[in-house]
C-alpha atoms as a PDB file:
ATOM      1  CA  MET A   1      72.004 110.719 155.819  1.00  0.00           C
ATOM      2  CA  ARG A   2      74.707 111.453 158.573  1.00  0.00           C
ATOM      3  CA  GLY A   3      75.684 107.802 158.937  1.00  0.00           C
ATOM      4  CA  LEU A   4      75.859 107.328 155.232  1.00  0.00           C
ATOM      5  CA  VAL A   5      77.970 110.343 154.413  1.00  0.00           C
ATOM      6  CA  CYS A   6      81.579 110.341 154.598  1.00  0.00           C
ATOM      7  CA  LYS A   7      82.610 114.039 154.878  1.00  0.00           C
ATOM      8  CA  LEU A   8      85.628 114.002 152.704  1.00  0.00           C
ATOM      9  CA  THR A   9      88.195 116.701 152.232  1.00  0.00           C
ATOM     10  CA  VAL A  10      88.627 115.790 148.630  1.00  0.00           C
ATOM     11  CA  HIS A  11      87.366 117.966 146.015  1.00  0.00           C
ATOM     12  CA  ARG A  12      88.945 116.651 142.950  1.00  0.00           C
ATOM     13  CA  LEU A  13      87.161 115.039 140.071  1.00  0.00           C
ATOM     14  CA  CYS A  14      86.608 111.402 139.980  1.00  0.00           C
ATOM     15  CA  TRP A  15      88.222 111.533 136.713  1.00  0.00           C
ATOM     16  CA  ALA A  16      91.370 113.224 137.600  1.00  0.00           C
ATOM     17  CA  VAL A  17      94.008 110.537 137.448  1.00  0.00           C
ATOM     18  CA  LEU A  18      92.474 108.853 134.388  1.00  0.00           C
ATOM     19  CA  ALA A  19      92.107 112.043 132.583  1.00  0.00           C
ATOM     20  CA  SER A  20      95.701 113.244 133.566  1.00  0.00           C
ATOM     21  CA  LEU A  21      96.941 109.905 132.397  1.00  0.00           C
ATOM     22  CA  TRP A  22      95.194 110.175 128.935  1.00  0.00           C
ATOM     23  CA  VAL A  23      95.600 114.098 128.437  1.00  0.00           C
ATOM     24  CA  ALA A  24      99.188 114.603 129.814  1.00  0.00           C
ATOM     25  CA  THR A  25     102.258 112.488 129.599  1.00  0.00           C
ATOM     26  CA  CYS A  26     102.337 110.865 133.115  1.00  0.00           C
ATOM     27  CA  ALA A  27     105.599 112.284 133.566  1.00  0.00           C
ATOM     28  CA  HIS A  28     104.263 115.345 135.133  1.00  0.00           C
ATOM     29  CA  ALA A  29     104.194 114.888 138.928  1.00  0.00           C
ATOM     30  CA  ALA A  30     100.847 116.593 139.462  1.00  0.00           C
ATOM     31  CA  SER A  31      99.166 113.951 137.271  1.00  0.00           C
ATOM     32  CA  LEU A  32      99.279 111.542 140.250  1.00  0.00           C
ATOM     33  CA  ARG A  33      98.023 114.034 142.754  1.00  0.00           C
ATOM     34  CA  TYR A  34      94.656 112.677 142.707  1.00  0.00           C
ATOM     35  CA  CYS A  35      93.664 112.878 146.480  1.00  0.00           C
ATOM     36  CA  ASP A  36      94.981 116.423 146.810  1.00  0.00           C
ATOM     37  CA  GLN A  37      92.737 119.345 147.009  1.00  0.00           C
ATOM     38  CA  PRO A  38      92.937 121.836 144.298  1.00  0.00           C
ATOM     39  CA  GLN A  39      95.742 124.249 144.237  1.00  0.00           C
ATOM     40  CA  PRO A  40      94.933 127.690 145.965  1.00  0.00           C
ATOM     41  CA  ALA A  41      94.136 130.548 143.722  1.00  0.00           C
ATOM     42  CA  SER A  42      93.804 134.364 144.114  1.00  0.00           C
ATOM     43  CA  ALA A  43      90.594 135.573 146.036  1.00  0.00           C
ATOM     44  CA  GLU A  44      89.284 137.022 142.773  1.00  0.00           C
ATOM     45  CA  PRO A  45      88.340 133.775 140.832  1.00  0.00           C
ATOM     46  CA  TYR A  46      86.944 132.257 144.203  1.00  0.00           C
ATOM     47  CA  GLY A  47      84.709 135.354 144.595  1.00  0.00           C
ATOM     48  CA  GLN A  48      83.484 134.685 140.972  1.00  0.00           C
ATOM     49  CA  LEU A  49      82.948 130.958 142.102  1.00  0.00           C
ATOM     50  CA  LEU A  50      80.947 132.223 144.953  1.00  0.00           C
ATOM     51  CA  ARG A  51      78.840 134.418 142.724  1.00  0.00           C
ATOM     52  CA  MET A  52      78.259 131.477 140.246  1.00  0.00           C
ATOM     53  CA  THR A  53      77.235 129.364 143.272  1.00  0.00           C
ATOM     54  CA  GLU A  54      74.572 131.939 144.258  1.00  0.00           C
ATOM     55  CA  LEU A  55      73.338 132.311 140.909  1.00  0.00           C
ATOM     56  CA  VAL A  56      72.844 128.412 140.526  1.00  0.00           C
ATOM     57  CA  LYS A  57      71.161 128.137 143.807  1.00  0.00           C
ATOM     58  CA  ALA A  58      68.862 131.129 143.125  1.00  0.00           C
ATOM     59  CA  GLU A  59      67.906 129.345 139.793  1.00  0.00           C
ATOM     60  CA  LEU A  60      67.063 126.226 141.737  1.00  0.00           C
ATOM     61  CA  GLU A  61      65.143 128.022 144.210  1.00  0.00           C
ATOM     62  CA  HIS A  62      62.902 129.732 141.447  1.00  0.00           C
ATOM     63  CA  SER A  63      62.429 126.449 139.330  1.00  0.00           C
ATOM     64  CA  GLY A  64      59.403 125.062 141.414  1.00  0.00           C
ATOM     65  CA  GLN A  65      61.305 121.746 141.360  1.00  0.00           C
ATOM     66  CA  ARG A  66      62.576 119.529 144.197  1.00  0.00           C
ATOM     67  CA  VAL A  67      65.168 117.509 142.492  1.00  0.00           C
ATOM     68  CA  ALA A  68      67.715 118.082 139.616  1.00  0.00           C
ATOM     69  CA  VAL A  69      70.486 116.117 138.030  1.00  0.00           C
ATOM     70  CA  MET A  70      73.469 118.455 138.308  1.00  0.00           C
ATOM     71  CA  SER A  71      76.996 118.239 136.447  1.00  0.00           C
ATOM     72  CA  ARG A  72      80.030 120.401 136.482  1.00  0.00           C
ATOM     73  CA  SER A  73      83.183 121.004 134.572  1.00  0.00           C
ATOM     74  CA  GLY A  74      86.566 120.418 136.183  1.00  0.00           C
ATOM     75  CA  LEU A  75      89.536 118.801 134.617  1.00  0.00           C
ATOM     76  CA  ASP A  76      89.950 119.870 130.878  1.00  0.00           C
ATOM     77  CA  LEU A  77      88.576 116.957 128.844  1.00  0.00           C
ATOM     78  CA  ARG A  78      87.734 118.744 125.685  1.00  0.00           C
ATOM     79  CA  ARG A  79      90.154 116.627 123.660  1.00  0.00           C
ATOM     80  CA  PHE A  80      87.740 113.868 124.470  1.00  0.00           C
ATOM     81  CA  GLY A  81      84.649 115.840 123.529  1.00  0.00           C
ATOM     82  CA  GLN A  82      83.601 116.146 127.151  1.00  0.00           C
ATOM     83  CA  ARG A  83      82.883 119.387 128.876  1.00  0.00           C
ATOM     84  CA  TYR A  84      81.616 117.875 132.194  1.00  0.00           C
ATOM     85  CA  SER A  85      83.187 115.231 134.348  1.00  0.00           C
ATOM     86  CA  HIS A  86      81.012 114.848 137.363  1.00  0.00           C
ATOM     87  CA  ALA A  87      77.479 114.299 138.052  1.00  0.00           C
ATOM     88  CA  GLY A  88      75.211 114.128 141.101  1.00  0.00           C
ATOM     89  CA  VAL A  89      71.635 114.556 142.309  1.00  0.00           C
ATOM     90  CA  SER A  90      70.795 117.879 143.773  1.00  0.00           C
ATOM     91  CA  LEU A  91      67.872 117.657 146.353  1.00  0.00           C
ATOM     92  CA  GLN A  92      65.953 120.330 147.909  1.00  0.00           C
ATOM     93  CA  ALA A  93      65.228 118.215 150.792  1.00  0.00           C
ATOM     94  CA  ASN A  94      68.687 116.872 151.418  1.00  0.00           C
ATOM     95  CA  THR A  95      69.379 116.896 155.130  1.00  0.00           C
ATOM     96  CA  ALA A  96      72.872 117.959 154.841  1.00  0.00           C
ATOM     97  CA  SER A  97      72.083 121.193 153.411  1.00  0.00           C
ATOM     98  CA  ARG A  98      69.340 122.622 150.873  1.00  0.00           C
ATOM     99  CA  TRP A  99      69.746 121.555 147.558  1.00  0.00           C
ATOM    100  CA  ALA A 100      73.081 119.465 148.492  1.00  0.00           C
ATOM    101  CA  VAL A 101      74.289 117.106 145.681  1.00  0.00           C
ATOM    102  CA  ARG A 102      74.219 113.504 146.584  1.00  0.00           C
ATOM    103  CA  GLN A 103      77.190 111.920 144.821  1.00  0.00           C
ATOM    104  CA  LEU A 104      79.851 109.300 144.789  1.00  0.00           C
ATOM    105  CA  TYR A 105      83.478 110.295 145.749  1.00  0.00           C
ATOM    106  CA  TYR A 106      86.584 108.118 146.250  1.00  0.00           C
ATOM    107  CA  ALA A 107      87.587 108.268 149.871  1.00  0.00           C
ATOM    108  CA  CYS A 108      91.401 108.204 149.198  1.00  0.00           C
ATOM    109  CA  ASP A 109      92.409 107.274 152.864  1.00  0.00           C
ATOM    110  CA  GLU A 110      89.996 104.346 152.882  1.00  0.00           C
ATOM    111  CA  GLN A 111      90.659 103.470 149.347  1.00  0.00           C
ATOM    112  CA  ARG A 112      86.942 103.034 148.685  1.00  0.00           C
ATOM    113  CA  PRO A 113      84.101 104.765 147.320  1.00  0.00           C
ATOM    114  CA  ARG A 114      81.629 106.598 149.509  1.00  0.00           C
ATOM    115  CA  LEU A 115      78.406 108.512 149.115  1.00  0.00           C
ATOM    116  CA  TYR A 116      78.738 112.157 149.936  1.00  0.00           C
ATOM    117  CA  ASP A 117      76.186 114.971 150.360  1.00  0.00           C
ATOM    118  CA  GLN A 118      78.027 118.302 149.171  1.00  0.00           C
ATOM    119  CA  GLY A 119      76.540 121.726 149.224  1.00  0.00           C
ATOM    120  CA  VAL A 120      76.132 123.648 145.884  1.00  0.00           C
ATOM    121  CA  ALA A 121      79.280 125.802 146.705  1.00  0.00           C
ATOM    122  CA  GLY A 122      81.380 122.844 147.470  1.00  0.00           C
ATOM    123  CA  PHE A 123      80.139 121.139 144.284  1.00  0.00           C
ATOM    124  CA  VAL A 124      80.968 124.231 142.026  1.00  0.00           C
ATOM    125  CA  PHE A 125      84.245 124.700 143.689  1.00  0.00           C
ATOM    126  CA  GLY A 126      85.344 121.402 142.764  1.00  0.00           C
ATOM    127  CA  THR A 127      87.229 122.479 139.659  1.00  0.00           C
ATOM    128  CA  ASP A 128      90.739 122.559 138.613  1.00  0.00           C
ATOM    129  CA  ASN A 129      90.263 125.984 136.875  1.00  0.00           C
ATOM    130  CA  PRO A 130      88.293 128.527 138.915  1.00  0.00           C
ATOM    131  CA  GLN A 131      88.624 131.211 136.275  1.00  0.00           C
ATOM    132  CA  LEU A 132      86.252 129.316 133.642  1.00  0.00           C
ATOM    133  CA  GLY A 133      83.552 126.920 134.633  1.00  0.00           C
ATOM    134  CA  TYR A 134      80.395 125.320 133.609  1.00  0.00           C
ATOM    135  CA  VAL A 135      77.410 123.675 135.489  1.00  0.00           C
ATOM    136  CA  SER A 136      74.454 121.905 134.078  1.00  0.00           C
ATOM    137  CA  VAL A 137      71.084 121.339 135.513  1.00  0.00           C
ATOM    138  CA  VAL A 138      68.422 119.001 134.350  1.00  0.00           C
ATOM    139  CA  PHE A 139      65.126 119.273 135.608  1.00  0.00           C
ATOM    140  CA  LEU A 140      62.432 116.358 135.037  1.00  0.00           C
ATOM    141  CA  PRO A 141      58.699 115.849 134.432  1.00  0.00           C
ATOM    142  CA  ALA A 142      56.855 115.678 137.856  1.00  0.00           C
ATOM    143  CA  ALA A 143      56.207 111.911 138.067  1.00  0.00           C
ATOM    144  CA  ALA A 144      59.980 111.167 136.981  1.00  0.00           C
ATOM    145  CA  ALA A 145      61.220 113.888 139.532  1.00  0.00           C
ATOM    146  CA  ASP A 146      59.241 112.308 142.419  1.00  0.00           C
ATOM    147  CA  GLN A 147      60.444 108.910 141.636  1.00  0.00           C
ATOM    148  CA  LEU A 148      64.090 110.070 141.583  1.00  0.00           C
ATOM    149  CA  GLU A 149      63.665 112.290 144.788  1.00  0.00           C
ATOM    150  CA  GLN A 150      62.359 109.053 146.568  1.00  0.00           C
ATOM    151  CA  ALA A 151      65.203 106.686 145.351  1.00  0.00           C
ATOM    152  CA  ALA A 152      67.826 109.249 145.913  1.00  0.00           C
ATOM    153  CA  LEU A 153      66.563 109.981 149.639  1.00  0.00           C
ATOM    154  CA  ASP A 154      66.281 106.295 150.407  1.00  0.00           C
ATOM    155  CA  ASN A 155      69.511 105.421 152.155  1.00  0.00           C
ATOM    156  CA  GLN A 156      69.168 101.774 151.834  1.00  0.00           C
ATOM    157  CA  GLN A 157      68.626 101.939 148.078  1.00  0.00           C
ATOM    158  CA  ALA A 158      71.235 104.618 147.561  1.00  0.00           C
ATOM    159  CA  LEU A 159      73.766 102.331 149.445  1.00  0.00           C
ATOM    160  CA  SER A 160      72.559  99.232 147.754  1.00  0.00           C
ATOM    161  CA  LEU A 161      73.817 100.747 144.289  1.00  0.00           C
ATOM    162  CA  LEU A 162      77.212 101.463 145.736  1.00  0.00           C
ATOM    163  CA  ALA A 163      80.066  99.237 144.590  1.00  0.00           C
ATOM    164  CA  PRO A 164      82.858  98.276 146.963  1.00  0.00           C
ATOM    165  CA  VAL A 165      85.711  98.960 144.340  1.00  0.00           C
ATOM    166  CA  TYR A 166      86.046 102.120 142.495  1.00  0.00           C
ATOM    167  CA  SER A 167      87.465 102.561 138.828  1.00  0.00           C
ATOM    168  CA  ALA A 168      87.807 105.779 137.104  1.00  0.00           C
ATOM    169  CA  ASN A 169      87.053 104.208 133.659  1.00  0.00           C
ATOM    170  CA  ALA A 170      84.650 101.751 134.898  1.00  0.00           C
ATOM    171  CA  TYR A 171      82.819  99.887 132.154  1.00  0.00           C
ATOM    172  CA  ALA A 172      79.106 100.886 132.214  1.00  0.00           C
ATOM    173  CA  PHE A 173      77.608  97.254 131.985  1.00  0.00           C
ATOM    174  CA  SER A 174      79.818  95.558 134.544  1.00  0.00           C
ATOM    175  CA  VAL A 175      79.256  95.415 138.363  1.00  0.00           C
ATOM    176  CA  ARG A 176      82.900  94.745 138.927  1.00  0.00           C
ATOM    177  CA  TYR A 177      83.705  98.338 139.480  1.00  0.00           C
ATOM    178  CA  GLN A 178      81.902 101.805 139.554  1.00  0.00           C
ATOM    179  CA  ASN A 179      82.802 105.276 138.810  1.00  0.00           C
ATOM    180  CA  CYS A 180      80.925 108.515 140.270  1.00  0.00           C
ATOM    181  CA  ASN A 181      78.702 108.904 137.157  1.00  0.00           C
ATOM    182  CA  GLN A 182      77.894 105.289 136.902  1.00  0.00           C
ATOM    183  CA  TRP A 183      76.398 105.443 140.316  1.00  0.00           C
ATOM    184  CA  VAL A 184      74.110 108.335 139.225  1.00  0.00           C
ATOM    185  CA  ILE A 185      72.812 106.439 136.077  1.00  0.00           C
ATOM    186  CA  GLU A 186      72.151 103.362 138.081  1.00  0.00           C
ATOM    187  CA  LEU A 187      70.031 105.377 140.648  1.00  0.00           C
ATOM    188  CA  LEU A 188      68.172 106.768 137.725  1.00  0.00           C
ATOM    189  CA  ALA A 189      67.594 103.116 136.508  1.00  0.00           C
ATOM    190  CA  ALA A 190      66.501 101.945 139.905  1.00  0.00           C
ATOM    191  CA  ALA A 191      64.073 104.974 140.246  1.00  0.00           C
ATOM    192  CA  TRP A 192      62.466 104.922 136.721  1.00  0.00           C
ATOM    193  CA  GLY A 193      62.590 101.094 136.306  1.00  0.00           C
ATOM    194  CA  ARG A 194      60.837 100.501 139.452  1.00  0.00           C
ATOM    195  CA  LEU A 195      63.302  97.934 140.169  1.00  0.00           C
ATOM    196  CA  PRO A 196      62.795  95.375 143.054  1.00  0.00           C
ATOM    197  CA  ASP A 197      63.426  96.549 146.749  1.00  0.00           C
ATOM    198  CA  PRO A 198      67.021  96.094 147.455  1.00  0.00           C
ATOM    199  CA  ALA A 199      66.357  93.711 150.238  1.00  0.00           C
ATOM    200  CA  ASP A 200      64.555  91.600 147.584  1.00  0.00           C
ATOM    201  CA  SER A 201      67.191  91.708 144.754  1.00  0.00           C
ATOM    202  CA  ALA A 202      70.400  89.449 144.780  1.00  0.00           C
ATOM    203  CA  ASP A 203      72.220  92.351 142.927  1.00  0.00           C
ATOM    204  CA  PRO A 204      70.451  95.880 142.489  1.00  0.00           C
ATOM    205  CA  ARG A 205      73.243  96.930 140.251  1.00  0.00           C
ATOM    206  CA  ALA A 206      72.813  94.176 137.838  1.00  0.00           C
ATOM    207  CA  SER A 207      69.111  94.827 137.903  1.00  0.00           C
ATOM    208  CA  ALA A 208      69.764  98.502 137.038  1.00  0.00           C
ATOM    209  CA  GLN A 209      72.266  97.680 134.146  1.00  0.00           C
ATOM    210  CA  ARG A 210      69.844  95.169 132.653  1.00  0.00           C
ATOM    211  CA  TRP A 211      67.032  97.892 132.722  1.00  0.00           C
ATOM    212  CA  LEU A 212      69.650 100.351 131.083  1.00  0.00           C
ATOM    213  CA  LEU A 213      70.645  97.928 128.151  1.00  0.00           C
ATOM    214  CA  ASP A 214      66.799  97.214 127.730  1.00  0.00           C
ATOM    215  CA  GLN A 215      66.187 101.153 127.347  1.00  0.00           C
ATOM    216  CA  ARG A 216      69.324 101.316 125.040  1.00  0.00           C
ATOM    217  CA  TYR A 217      71.382 103.569 127.252  1.00  0.00           C
ATOM    218  CA  ARG A 218      74.458 104.583 125.489  1.00  0.00           C
ATOM    219  CA  PRO A 219      77.470 105.278 127.596  1.00  0.00           C
ATOM    220  CA  SER A 220      80.199 107.576 126.403  1.00  0.00           C
ATOM    221  CA  GLU A 221      82.906 106.178 124.377  1.00  0.00           C
ATOM    222  CA  PHE A 222      86.487 107.027 124.713  1.00  0.00           C
ATOM    223  CA  SER A 223      89.231 106.110 121.947  1.00  0.00           C
ATOM    224  CA  VAL A 224      92.359 105.932 123.872  1.00  0.00           C
ATOM    225  CA  HIS A 225      95.576 105.360 121.669  1.00  0.00           C
ATOM    226  CA  ASN A 226      98.084 105.693 124.284  1.00  0.00           C
ATOM    227  CA  PRO A 227      99.949 102.550 125.663  1.00  0.00           C
ATOM    228  CA  LEU A 228     100.487 104.380 128.909  1.00  0.00           C
ATOM    229  CA  LEU A 229      96.872 103.972 129.897  1.00  0.00           C
ATOM    230  CA  MET A 230      97.477 100.044 129.839  1.00  0.00           C
ATOM    231  CA  LEU A 231     100.412 100.562 132.034  1.00  0.00           C
ATOM    232  CA  ALA A 232      98.498 102.756 134.318  1.00  0.00           C
ATOM    233  CA  SER A 233      96.092  99.956 135.106  1.00  0.00           C
ATOM    234  CA  HIS A 234      99.015  97.995 136.658  1.00  0.00           C
ATOM    235  CA  PHE A 235     100.168 100.879 138.928  1.00  0.00           C
ATOM    236  CA  VAL A 236      97.187 103.094 139.630  1.00  0.00           C
ATOM    237  CA  LYS A 237      94.440 101.409 141.978  1.00  0.00           C
ATOM    238  CA  TRP A 238      91.637 103.525 140.565  1.00  0.00           C
ATOM    239  CA  VAL A 239      92.248 102.842 136.734  1.00  0.00           C
ATOM    240  CA  HIS A 240      91.235  99.187 135.265  1.00  0.00           C
ATOM    241  CA  SER A 241      90.524  97.421 132.045  1.00  0.00           C
ATOM    242  CA  ASP A 242      89.626  94.032 133.123  1.00  0.00           C
ATOM    243  CA  ASP A 243      85.839  94.884 133.304  1.00  0.00           C
ATOM    244  CA  HIS A 244      85.718  95.965 129.768  1.00  0.00           C
ATOM    245  CA  PRO A 245      85.286  93.555 127.002  1.00  0.00           C
ATOM    246  CA  GLN A 246      88.636  92.112 125.537  1.00  0.00           C
ATOM    247  CA  GLU A 247      87.876  93.259 122.012  1.00  0.00           C
ATOM    248  CA  ALA A 248      87.327  96.729 123.260  1.00  0.00           C
ATOM    249  CA  VAL A 249      90.383  96.835 125.129  1.00  0.00           C
ATOM    250  CA  LYS A 250      92.283  95.469 122.066  1.00  0.00           C
ATOM    251  CA  GLN A 251      90.844  98.575 120.126  1.00  0.00           C
ATOM    252  CA  ALA A 252      91.455 101.107 123.071  1.00  0.00           C
ATOM    253  CA  ARG A 253      87.821 101.997 123.189  1.00  0.00           C
ATOM    254  CA  TYR A 254      86.135 102.290 126.530  1.00  0.00           C
ATOM    255  CA  ARG A 255      82.496 102.939 127.443  1.00  0.00           C
ATOM    256  CA  VAL A 256      81.989 104.812 130.335  1.00  0.00           C
ATOM    257  CA  SER A 257      79.208 106.773 131.802  1.00  0.00           C
ATOM    258  CA  MET A 258      79.581 110.541 131.823  1.00  0.00           C
ATOM    259  CA  PRO A 259      77.578 113.527 132.553  1.00  0.00           C
ATOM    260  CA  ALA A 260      76.797 113.749 128.835  1.00  0.00           C
ATOM    261  CA  SER A 261      75.682 110.239 128.277  1.00  0.00           C
ATOM    262  CA  ILE A 262      73.380 110.681 131.475  1.00  0.00           C
ATOM    263  CA  GLU A 263      71.870 113.811 129.887  1.00  0.00           C
ATOM    264  CA  THR A 264      71.283 112.333 126.625  1.00  0.00           C
ATOM    265  CA  PHE A 265      69.531 109.243 128.212  1.00  0.00           C
ATOM    266  CA  ILE A 266      67.327 111.702 130.334  1.00  0.00           C
ATOM    267  CA  HIS A 267      66.408 113.738 127.168  1.00  0.00           C
ATOM    268  CA  THR A 268      65.483 110.741 125.205  1.00  0.00           C
ATOM    269  CA  THR A 269      63.599 108.941 127.950  1.00  0.00           C
ATOM    270  CA  PHE A 270      61.770 112.252 128.906  1.00  0.00           C
ATOM    271  CA  PRO A 271      61.493 114.668 126.015  1.00  0.00           C
ATOM    272  CA  ASP A 272      59.831 117.188 128.370  1.00  0.00           C
ATOM    273  CA  ALA A 273      62.722 117.289 130.641  1.00  0.00           C
ATOM    274  CA  THR A 274      64.352 120.865 130.749  1.00  0.00           C
ATOM    275  CA  ARG A 275      68.005 122.004 131.062  1.00  0.00           C
ATOM    276  CA  MET A 276      69.764 124.959 132.166  1.00  0.00           C
ATOM    277  CA  GLU A 277      73.458 125.600 131.544  1.00  0.00           C
ATOM    278  CA  PHE A 278      75.448 128.139 133.560  1.00  0.00           C
ATOM    279  CA  CYS A 279      79.156 129.223 132.875  1.00  0.00           C
ATOM    280  CA  HIS A 280      81.503 131.950 133.865  1.00  0.00           C
ATOM    281  CA  ASN A 281      84.816 133.453 132.914  1.00  0.00           C
ATOM    282  CA  GLN A 282      86.810 136.163 134.259  1.00  0.00           C
ATOM    283  CA  GLN A 283      84.341 138.795 132.825  1.00  0.00           C
ATOM    284  CA  HIS A 284      80.780 137.596 133.174  1.00  0.00           C
ATOM    285  CA  MET A 285      78.399 134.714 133.998  1.00  0.00           C
ATOM    286  CA  VAL A 286      75.763 133.453 131.485  1.00  0.00           C
ATOM    287  CA  ILE A 287      72.632 131.392 131.861  1.00  0.00           C
ATOM    288  CA  HIS A 288      71.395 129.365 128.927  1.00  0.00           C
ATOM    289  CA  HIS A 289      68.182 127.477 128.312  1.00  0.00           C
ATOM    290  CA  GLY A 290      68.027 124.505 126.230  1.00  0.00           C
ATOM    291  CA  TRP A 291      69.866 121.091 125.231  1.00  0.00           C
ATOM    292  CA  ASP A 292      72.207 122.640 122.863  1.00  0.00           C
ATOM    293  CA  ALA A 293      75.416 123.517 124.556  1.00  0.00           C
ATOM    294  CA  LEU A 294      76.975 126.852 125.531  1.00  0.00           C
ATOM    295  CA  ALA A 295      79.926 128.085 123.457  1.00  0.00           C
ATOM    296  CA  ASP A 296      83.534 127.525 124.577  1.00  0.00           C
ATOM    297  CA  ASN A 297      85.002 130.099 126.707  1.00  0.00           C
ATOM    298  CA  CYS A 298      81.630 131.116 128.063  1.00  0.00           C
ATOM    299  CA  GLU A 299      80.775 133.127 125.135  1.00  0.00           C
ATOM    300  CA  PRO A 300      76.992 133.973 125.367  1.00  0.00           C
ATOM    301  CA  GLY A 301      74.238 133.424 122.580  1.00  0.00           C
ATOM    302  CA  GLU A 302      71.774 135.944 121.328  1.00  0.00           C
ATOM    303  CA  GLN A 303      69.118 134.438 123.774  1.00  0.00           C
ATOM    304  CA  ASP A 304      71.382 133.870 126.807  1.00  0.00           C
ATOM    305  CA  THR A 305      71.393 136.009 129.995  1.00  0.00           C
ATOM    306  CA  VAL A 306      74.794 137.577 130.561  1.00  0.00           C
ATOM    307  CA  MET A 307      75.537 139.064 134.116  1.00  0.00           C
ATOM    308  CA  ALA A 308      79.109 141.022 134.069  1.00  0.00           C
ATOM    309  CA  PHE A 309      81.321 140.880 137.064  1.00  0.00           C
ATOM    310  CA  ASP A 310      81.875 144.224 138.634  1.00  0.00           C
END
């Protein structure tokens, strides 16, 4: 996908500015540093991130699968009930590198969204907290996996679902804008809904969203009782509210695609899908199997695998 991929230097989460505006006070200068790379940290936590990367890649290789929906933590969104901020499709046959994650990123210099193939290491490193991180990997039943792999590797189809204008808080059922996770869920819809060929469809994104509505897809809902968010839509180019229903805006409720809503949709649609969750803190790494969540602070459960850092 060399002609398709814009090799960005950005490793910030697509939700960085929006979450900073919601979580922080907007007065802190760092809240607007969306396009900057994460601040350098000491060598130790990045060594731990490398170990985490090796662990995730090893489990991908041992899975017997060729495709996975992968999500990672980054900016702290716990007050919104969200552990994961960014999702993509990890592909064993990705030409960029084995198991590279195909995803949407916002190209700051061009001020537009792009599709980007990123190695697992870069994906895991895209965090604001290198000392505590989580990665979730979902494996699909064979037929669904084959359909998703074909759709994700089809450059024409992948690009046909890319919106020209980015919004971090894009409404899940509007084609006006798109965020990183919205591209993923629309790709799933195109793959599993057997939607028309992009060349034969006037609006592939609208077709994907209609299918998601028919399948009762439920995006994540954010209740934002902070007037600064409304001001942000006038000053920050990647935060908008004019795509959301007016009544929802009045109530400060925003329905946005997030990794959690994507995983819930997969589990509901394919009960045989399986999930692994990985985490690390400064003491150890943990592997957890199942659809229930790992504990906060990467505390292992009785059935989890724990690997201590030396």
